[in-house]
């Protein structure tokens, strides 16, 4: 296994993606979930091959991705998936909206579990539904789903639940037991569960992650999985995601979607995704080695330079949920970090009211950039403390 190193800042700043075009060059962008690593060679080659063949038309169907995903799921999680149960679309957000349109009546309601990925607040609205918040529980040691609160929401008539599995921004990997209990509630109340598993390949201990549809027949009865290679292989812009249903009920939901849901998938994304699932394993292992090192480095840097910041290393992904409340930077410390430290972080309040005083930091970068970012934040905190002391 070869460790994959982040590209130098000069090369990164030549990228035209959102991460590198949003802020001036003096800002270190550690906000949006894009990685700083070069693309996996098999993914690069798959895209190049299609371009050289002038093969940039409409997709003929999901078959390349369906076959590749089923192989990856079997190798990685011992999850048996029939290729016929796999559909594709442009991205996970579109997949969620289209699944909600099938599962939820107009003016229905969808449960979300904040603090959670901000679009979860918006996607149900796009599907003509309302949002019901059932916040995660924190017991002083870690976070977990509030199953009792979820049951109350189901009993009051909720139509679906959006599950973030692993959970963004916390990097929380839900246990098989928790997922099984959720599935039982889903069947008891007839509520669909749409499990967003986009961060699943980025779990630090692969055996810890459990695909929702594997936990029980109840999970498969009302559950749909939506996922993509976009986060793990850094190919969000290529536009391809997959949807999986493994019961007669959920297969009918997928089959009932308009043909355009699949047809809008990018042919370049289709082949890039197939290459990632088929041949991107060694590259991903090298990236995970770098991410694991940065996960440890971030803990060390914060302990030494910014001990007031709370940090629980994520079990999956490259996003750190940092508690800045002790720094006195207010409800939106990301605004202070940008102004005083020239470090762009994702604002905690975007993830729900529980995010006040928090930020999300992307550590899929070089150790040097991460070190520089924490140093800037520490200096800003020190300056703020001096100003407060002289006030």
Protein backbone atom coordinates (compact mmCIF):
# COMPACT_ATOMS: atom_id res chain seq x y z
CA UNK A 1 0.00 0.00 0.00
CA UNK A 2 1.34 3.42 -1.00
CA UNK A 3 0.36 6.37 1.17
CA UNK A 4 -1.33 9.06 -0.89
CA UNK A 5 -0.04 12.56 -0.19
CA UNK A 6 -1.99 15.77 -0.69
CA UNK A 7 -1.02 17.94 -3.62
CA UNK A 8 0.93 21.18 -2.98
CA UNK A 9 -1.00 24.37 -2.45
CA UNK A 10 0.14 25.84 -5.75
CA UNK A 11 -1.44 22.95 -7.64
CA UNK A 12 -4.57 23.01 -5.51
CA UNK A 13 -5.12 26.71 -6.08
CA UNK A 14 -5.20 26.01 -9.83
CA UNK A 15 -8.33 23.90 -9.34
CA UNK A 16 -11.63 25.51 -10.35
CA UNK A 17 -13.81 23.70 -7.80
CA UNK A 18 -15.90 25.40 -5.13
CA UNK A 19 -13.32 24.70 -2.43
CA UNK A 20 -10.58 26.61 -4.23
CA UNK A 21 -12.56 29.42 -5.86
CA UNK A 22 -14.69 30.64 -2.95
CA UNK A 23 -12.07 32.50 -0.91
CA UNK A 24 -8.99 34.65 -1.63
CA UNK A 25 -5.56 33.02 -1.77
CA UNK A 26 -4.68 34.06 1.80
CA UNK A 27 -7.46 31.84 3.20
CA UNK A 28 -6.86 28.17 4.00
CA UNK A 29 -10.07 26.42 2.86
CA UNK A 30 -10.95 23.61 5.28
CA UNK A 31 -14.72 23.85 4.91
CA UNK A 32 -16.48 21.97 2.09
CA UNK A 33 -16.00 18.19 1.82
CA UNK A 34 -13.49 18.02 -1.01
CA UNK A 35 -10.13 16.28 -0.56
CA UNK A 36 -6.74 17.64 -1.56
CA UNK A 37 -5.40 14.33 -2.92
CA UNK A 38 -4.77 13.57 -6.61
CA UNK A 39 -7.33 11.38 -8.30
CA UNK A 40 -6.90 7.62 -8.29
CA UNK A 41 -5.16 6.54 -11.50
CA UNK A 42 -7.90 4.05 -12.50
CA UNK A 43 -10.50 6.81 -12.14
CA UNK A 44 -8.41 9.25 -14.17
CA UNK A 45 -7.88 6.66 -16.88
CA UNK A 46 -11.56 5.73 -17.06
CA UNK A 47 -12.48 9.35 -17.74
CA UNK A 48 -9.63 9.83 -20.23
CA UNK A 49 -10.60 6.65 -22.09
CA UNK A 50 -14.19 7.83 -22.53
CA UNK A 51 -13.04 11.25 -23.76
CA UNK A 52 -10.54 9.76 -26.19
CA UNK A 53 -13.34 7.57 -27.52
CA UNK A 54 -15.59 10.64 -27.87
CA UNK A 55 -17.95 8.67 -25.65
CA UNK A 56 -19.70 11.60 -23.97
CA UNK A 57 -23.34 10.94 -24.79
CA UNK A 58 -26.22 9.69 -22.67
CA UNK A 59 -25.84 6.62 -20.48
CA UNK A 60 -27.27 3.35 -21.77
CA UNK A 61 -28.15 2.20 -18.27
CA UNK A 62 -26.67 1.61 -14.83
CA UNK A 63 -25.03 -1.74 -15.60
CA UNK A 64 -21.34 -0.76 -15.23
CA UNK A 65 -21.98 0.87 -11.86
CA UNK A 66 -24.42 -1.80 -10.71
CA UNK A 67 -21.89 -4.56 -11.34
CA UNK A 68 -19.04 -2.59 -9.77
CA UNK A 69 -20.99 -1.63 -6.67
CA UNK A 70 -22.19 -5.16 -6.00
CA UNK A 71 -18.61 -6.40 -6.14
CA UNK A 72 -17.38 -3.64 -3.85
CA UNK A 73 -20.20 -4.20 -1.34
CA UNK A 74 -19.48 -7.94 -1.23
CA UNK A 75 -15.73 -7.46 -0.74
CA UNK A 76 -15.99 -4.63 1.76
CA UNK A 77 -19.04 -5.44 3.90
CA UNK A 78 -20.04 -8.98 2.84
CA UNK A 79 -23.26 -7.38 1.59
CA UNK A 80 -25.00 -9.38 -1.13
CA UNK A 81 -26.61 -7.01 -3.65
CA UNK A 82 -28.30 -8.08 -6.87
CA UNK A 83 -27.17 -5.77 -9.70
CA UNK A 84 -30.81 -5.55 -10.76
CA UNK A 85 -31.56 -3.83 -7.44
CA UNK A 86 -29.16 -0.95 -8.22
CA UNK A 87 -30.29 2.21 -9.99
CA UNK A 88 -28.28 5.35 -10.69
CA UNK A 89 -28.81 9.09 -10.77
CA UNK A 90 -26.74 12.26 -10.67
CA UNK A 91 -25.84 12.59 -6.98
CA UNK A 92 -26.95 11.59 -3.50
CA UNK A 93 -28.98 14.75 -2.94
CA UNK A 94 -31.02 14.04 -6.07
CA UNK A 95 -31.32 10.40 -5.01
CA UNK A 96 -32.73 11.46 -1.64
CA UNK A 97 -35.26 13.82 -3.20
CA UNK A 98 -36.44 11.22 -5.70
CA UNK A 99 -36.72 8.55 -3.01
CA UNK A 100 -38.72 10.93 -0.84
CA UNK A 101 -41.05 11.66 -3.76
CA UNK A 102 -41.80 7.95 -3.92
CA UNK A 103 -42.04 7.33 -0.17
CA UNK A 104 -43.72 10.47 1.16
CA UNK A 105 -47.08 11.99 0.13
CA UNK A 106 -47.29 15.67 -0.70
CA UNK A 107 -47.35 17.63 2.57
CA UNK A 108 -45.94 14.60 4.39
CA UNK A 109 -43.18 14.83 6.98
CA UNK A 110 -39.58 13.62 7.15
CA UNK A 111 -37.53 13.05 10.31
CA UNK A 112 -33.94 14.27 10.44
CA UNK A 113 -31.46 13.89 13.31
CA UNK A 114 -29.38 17.04 13.89
CA UNK A 115 -26.67 18.08 14.09
CA UNK A 116 -26.70 16.81 10.53
CA UNK A 117 -25.59 17.56 6.96
CA UNK A 118 -27.27 20.90 6.14
CA UNK A 119 -29.04 19.83 2.91
CA UNK A 120 -31.09 17.40 5.02
CA UNK A 121 -33.09 20.47 6.04
CA UNK A 122 -33.70 21.40 2.40
CA UNK A 123 -34.17 18.14 0.51
CA UNK A 124 -37.54 17.24 2.09
CA UNK A 125 -38.83 20.69 1.13
CA UNK A 126 -37.82 19.99 -2.47
CA UNK A 127 -39.96 16.85 -2.24
CA UNK A 128 -42.96 18.88 -0.94
CA UNK A 129 -42.54 17.60 2.62
CA UNK A 130 -41.94 19.19 6.01
CA UNK A 131 -39.03 18.54 8.35
CA UNK A 132 -39.35 17.03 11.84
CA UNK A 133 -36.24 17.32 13.99
CA UNK A 134 -35.31 14.57 16.44
CA UNK A 135 -31.84 15.61 17.64
CA UNK A 136 -29.17 13.05 18.44
CA UNK A 137 -28.55 12.32 22.10
CA UNK A 138 -25.19 13.06 23.73
CA UNK A 139 -24.41 11.18 26.96
CA UNK A 140 -21.08 12.87 27.73
CA UNK A 141 -19.15 10.11 25.95
CA UNK A 142 -20.68 10.06 22.50
CA UNK A 143 -23.69 10.62 20.28
CA UNK A 144 -26.48 8.24 19.36
CA UNK A 145 -29.90 8.20 17.71
CA UNK A 146 -32.78 9.11 20.01
CA UNK A 147 -34.84 6.01 19.30
CA UNK A 148 -37.56 7.00 21.77
CA UNK A 149 -37.84 10.42 20.15
CA UNK A 150 -37.91 8.84 16.71
CA UNK A 151 -40.71 6.51 17.79
CA UNK A 152 -42.73 9.47 19.03
CA UNK A 153 -42.26 11.19 15.68
CA UNK A 154 -43.29 8.02 13.84
CA UNK A 155 -46.35 7.62 16.07
CA UNK A 156 -47.38 11.20 15.27
CA UNK A 157 -47.43 10.35 11.58
CA UNK A 158 -43.98 10.92 10.09
CA UNK A 159 -43.65 9.33 6.67
CA UNK A 160 -39.89 8.87 6.35
CA UNK A 161 -36.56 9.27 8.13
CA UNK A 162 -33.32 10.46 6.55
CA UNK A 163 -30.52 8.44 8.11
CA UNK A 164 -26.96 9.73 7.85
CA UNK A 165 -24.86 6.56 8.09
CA UNK A 166 -22.02 7.33 8.89
CA UNK A 167 -23.29 10.56 10.37
CA UNK A 168 -22.01 13.88 9.01
CA UNK A 169 -20.63 16.05 10.72
CA UNK A 170 -19.78 13.77 13.65
CA UNK A 171 -18.16 10.86 11.84
CA UNK A 172 -20.49 8.66 13.92
CA UNK A 173 -20.86 5.05 12.79
CA UNK A 174 -24.22 3.74 13.97
CA UNK A 175 -24.10 0.29 15.56
CA UNK A 176 -25.87 -2.68 14.02
CA UNK A 177 -28.05 -2.90 17.13
CA UNK A 178 -29.18 0.71 16.80
CA UNK A 179 -29.94 0.22 13.12
CA UNK A 180 -31.88 -2.95 13.87
CA UNK A 181 -33.98 -1.13 16.45
CA UNK A 182 -34.65 1.66 13.96
CA UNK A 183 -35.70 -0.87 11.34
CA UNK A 184 -38.16 -2.44 13.79
CA UNK A 185 -39.73 0.97 14.39
CA UNK A 186 -39.84 1.60 10.67
CA UNK A 187 -41.93 -1.52 10.06
CA UNK A 188 -44.09 -1.01 13.17
CA UNK A 189 -45.20 2.40 11.93
CA UNK A 190 -44.82 1.91 8.17
CA UNK A 191 -42.14 4.59 7.82
CA UNK A 192 -39.54 4.61 5.04
CA UNK A 193 -35.87 4.94 6.01
CA UNK A 194 -33.54 6.44 3.41
CA UNK A 195 -29.96 5.72 4.44
CA UNK A 196 -27.31 8.07 3.07
CA UNK A 197 -24.13 5.96 3.14
CA UNK A 198 -21.85 8.20 1.10
CA UNK A 199 -19.11 8.25 3.78
CA UNK A 200 -19.18 4.46 4.35
CA UNK A 201 -15.97 3.60 2.43
CA UNK A 202 -14.11 6.10 4.66
CA UNK A 203 -14.61 4.16 7.90
CA UNK A 204 -11.32 3.78 9.79
CA UNK A 205 -12.19 0.29 11.01
CA UNK A 206 -14.08 -1.24 8.06
CA UNK A 207 -15.70 -3.88 10.24
CA UNK A 208 -17.38 -1.15 12.28
CA UNK A 209 -19.66 0.01 9.48
CA UNK A 210 -22.95 -1.78 8.90
CA UNK A 211 -24.97 -1.08 5.74
CA UNK A 212 -28.53 -0.39 6.86
CA UNK A 213 -30.10 -2.87 4.46
CA UNK A 214 -28.05 -5.74 5.90
CA UNK A 215 -29.33 -5.59 9.49
CA UNK A 216 -32.72 -7.31 9.08
CA UNK A 217 -35.66 -8.10 6.85
CA UNK A 218 -37.41 -5.15 8.49
CA UNK A 219 -34.64 -2.84 7.30
CA UNK A 220 -34.97 -4.14 3.75
CA UNK A 221 -38.78 -3.90 3.79
CA UNK A 222 -38.95 -0.10 4.16
CA UNK A 223 -35.31 0.90 3.64
CA UNK A 224 -33.51 2.43 0.68
CA UNK A 225 -29.76 3.00 0.46
CA UNK A 226 -28.40 6.00 -1.41
CA UNK A 227 -24.67 6.34 -1.87
CA UNK A 228 -21.88 7.31 -4.27
CA UNK A 229 -18.15 7.05 -4.80
CA UNK A 230 -17.98 10.84 -4.74
CA UNK A 231 -16.72 11.38 -1.17
CA UNK A 232 -14.33 8.43 -0.90
CA UNK A 233 -12.73 8.99 -4.33
CA UNK A 234 -13.23 12.77 -4.53
CA UNK A 235 -15.30 12.73 -7.73
CA UNK A 236 -18.41 14.73 -6.75
CA UNK A 237 -18.23 16.75 -9.95
CA UNK A 238 -18.54 13.69 -12.19
CA UNK A 239 -22.20 13.21 -11.13
CA UNK A 240 -23.12 9.61 -10.48
CA UNK A 241 -24.84 8.09 -7.44
CA UNK A 242 -26.58 4.80 -6.77
CA UNK A 243 -29.86 3.81 -5.13
CA UNK A 244 -30.53 0.32 -3.79
CA UNK A 245 -33.82 -1.31 -2.80
CA UNK A 246 -34.02 -4.94 -1.66
CA UNK A 247 -37.72 -5.59 -1.09
CA UNK A 248 -40.71 -5.72 -3.42
CA UNK A 249 -41.90 -2.45 -1.90
CA UNK A 250 -38.65 -0.54 -2.41
CA UNK A 251 -37.93 -2.07 -5.81
CA UNK A 252 -41.30 -0.72 -6.93
CA UNK A 253 -40.35 2.73 -5.61
CA UNK A 254 -37.17 2.73 -7.69
CA UNK A 255 -38.95 1.36 -10.75
CA UNK A 256 -41.64 4.04 -10.45
CA UNK A 257 -39.20 6.92 -10.75
CA UNK A 258 -39.28 8.88 -14.02
CA UNK A 259 -36.83 7.60 -16.60
CA UNK A 260 -35.05 10.97 -16.52
CA UNK A 261 -33.87 10.34 -12.93
CA UNK A 262 -31.42 7.80 -14.29
CA UNK A 263 -30.90 9.34 -17.72
CA UNK A 264 -29.40 12.52 -16.23
CA UNK A 265 -26.45 10.57 -14.83
CA UNK A 266 -23.15 11.62 -16.40
CA UNK A 267 -21.56 8.97 -18.59
CA UNK A 268 -18.15 10.16 -17.34
CA UNK A 269 -19.37 9.78 -13.76
CA UNK A 270 -20.76 6.34 -14.53
CA UNK A 271 -17.39 5.06 -15.71
CA UNK A 272 -15.40 6.95 -13.08
CA UNK A 273 -17.57 5.42 -10.37
CA UNK A 274 -17.28 1.92 -11.81
CA UNK A 275 -13.50 2.30 -11.92
CA UNK A 276 -13.44 3.52 -8.31
CA UNK A 277 -15.44 0.56 -7.03
CA UNK A 278 -13.62 -1.97 -9.22
CA UNK A 279 -10.01 -0.80 -9.06
CA UNK A 280 -9.79 2.09 -6.59
CA UNK A 281 -9.18 0.02 -3.47
CA UNK A 282 -5.38 0.46 -3.23
CA UNK A 283 -5.67 4.22 -3.73
CA UNK A 284 -8.38 4.45 -1.07
CA UNK A 285 -6.24 2.47 1.37
CA UNK A 286 -3.41 4.95 0.79
CA UNK A 287 -5.74 7.89 1.38
CA UNK A 288 -7.07 6.31 4.57
CA UNK A 289 -3.49 6.03 5.83
CA UNK A 290 -3.04 9.78 5.31
CA UNK A 291 -6.41 10.57 6.87
CA UNK A 292 -5.67 8.42 9.91
CA UNK A 293 -2.38 10.26 10.40
CA UNK A 294 -4.11 13.64 10.09
CA UNK A 295 -6.85 12.55 12.49
CA UNK A 296 -4.14 11.89 15.09
CA UNK A 297 -2.20 15.03 14.18
CA UNK A 298 -5.28 17.20 14.64
CA UNK A 299 -5.74 15.83 18.17
CA UNK A 300 -2.10 16.58 18.99
CA UNK A 301 -2.19 20.08 17.51
CA UNK A 302 -5.37 21.04 19.33
CA UNK A 303 -4.12 19.65 22.64
CA UNK A 304 -0.91 21.65 22.33
CA UNK A 305 -2.06 24.89 20.74
CA UNK A 306 -5.81 25.19 21.21
CA UNK A 307 -6.74 23.14 24.30
CA UNK A 308 -10.03 25.03 24.67
CA UNK A 309 -11.38 23.34 21.54
CA UNK A 310 -13.30 20.12 22.07
CA UNK A 311 -12.57 17.31 19.61
CA UNK A 312 -13.67 13.69 19.36
CA UNK A 313 -11.88 11.94 16.49
CA UNK A 314 -14.41 10.69 13.94
CA UNK A 315 -14.89 6.99 13.33
CA UNK A 316 -15.43 7.67 9.64
CA UNK A 317 -14.65 10.42 7.19
CA UNK A 318 -12.31 13.37 7.15
CA UNK A 319 -14.56 15.92 8.86
CA UNK A 320 -13.87 16.99 12.45
CA UNK A 321 -16.68 18.43 14.59
CA UNK A 322 -14.98 20.94 16.87
CA UNK A 323 -16.50 22.54 19.97
CA UNK A 324 -15.31 26.17 20.14
CA UNK A 325 -17.74 27.31 22.84
CA UNK A 326 -14.98 27.70 25.44
CA UNK A 327 -13.15 30.13 23.13
CA UNK A 328 -15.90 32.70 23.45
CA UNK A 329 -16.29 33.09 19.68
CA UNK A 330 -20.09 33.13 19.79
CA UNK A 331 -22.66 30.96 18.04
CA UNK A 332 -20.80 31.08 14.71
CA UNK A 333 -17.09 30.70 15.43
CA UNK A 334 -16.43 29.98 11.74
CA UNK A 335 -17.04 33.68 11.04
CA UNK A 336 -14.43 34.61 13.63
CA UNK A 337 -11.98 32.03 12.27
CA UNK A 338 -12.33 33.45 8.78
CA UNK A 339 -11.96 37.06 9.87
CA UNK A 340 -9.14 36.69 12.40
CA UNK A 341 -7.27 33.59 11.24
CA UNK A 342 -8.05 33.45 7.51
CA UNK A 343 -9.16 29.84 7.90
CA UNK A 344 -12.44 28.84 6.27
CA UNK A 345 -14.43 26.33 8.34
CA UNK A 346 -18.01 25.12 7.98
CA UNK A 347 -20.31 27.03 10.40
CA UNK A 348 -21.81 24.82 13.09
CA UNK A 349 -25.25 26.50 13.05
CA UNK A 350 -25.78 25.24 9.49
CA UNK A 351 -26.11 21.76 10.99
CA UNK A 352 -28.97 22.78 13.29
CA UNK A 353 -29.38 24.60 16.59
CA UNK A 354 -27.10 22.08 18.34
CA UNK A 355 -24.30 23.39 16.15
CA UNK A 356 -24.15 26.79 17.85
CA UNK A 357 -20.56 27.33 19.00
CA UNK A 358 -19.22 24.51 16.79
CA UNK A 359 -17.36 24.31 13.49
CA UNK A 360 -16.66 21.50 11.04
CA UNK A 361 -13.07 21.21 9.84
CA UNK A 362 -11.95 19.21 6.79
CA UNK A 363 -8.60 17.52 7.50
CA UNK A 364 -8.22 15.84 4.08
CA UNK A 365 -5.24 18.08 3.37
CA UNK A 366 -1.48 18.01 3.86
CA UNK A 367 -0.09 17.87 7.41
CA UNK A 368 1.56 21.21 6.71
CA UNK A 369 -1.74 22.91 5.84
CA UNK A 370 -3.43 21.37 8.88
CA UNK A 371 -0.60 22.53 11.14
CA UNK A 372 -0.72 26.03 9.68
CA UNK A 373 -4.50 26.20 10.10
CA UNK A 374 -4.45 25.22 13.76
CA UNK A 375 -1.58 27.61 14.37
CA UNK A 376 -3.57 30.47 12.88
CA UNK A 377 -6.63 29.57 14.96
CA UNK A 378 -4.53 29.38 18.11
CA UNK A 379 -2.97 32.76 17.40
CA UNK A 380 -6.41 34.27 16.83
CA UNK A 381 -7.66 32.77 20.08
CA UNK A 382 -4.65 34.17 21.92
CA UNK A 383 -5.21 37.61 20.49
CA UNK A 384 -8.87 37.45 21.40
CA UNK A 385 -7.94 36.49 24.94
CA UNK A 386 -5.51 39.41 25.22
CA UNK A 387 -8.18 41.84 24.00
CA UNK A 388 -10.67 40.44 26.48
CA UNK A 389 -8.12 40.73 29.27
CA UNK A 390 -7.47 44.40 28.49
CA UNK A 391 -11.15 45.20 28.11
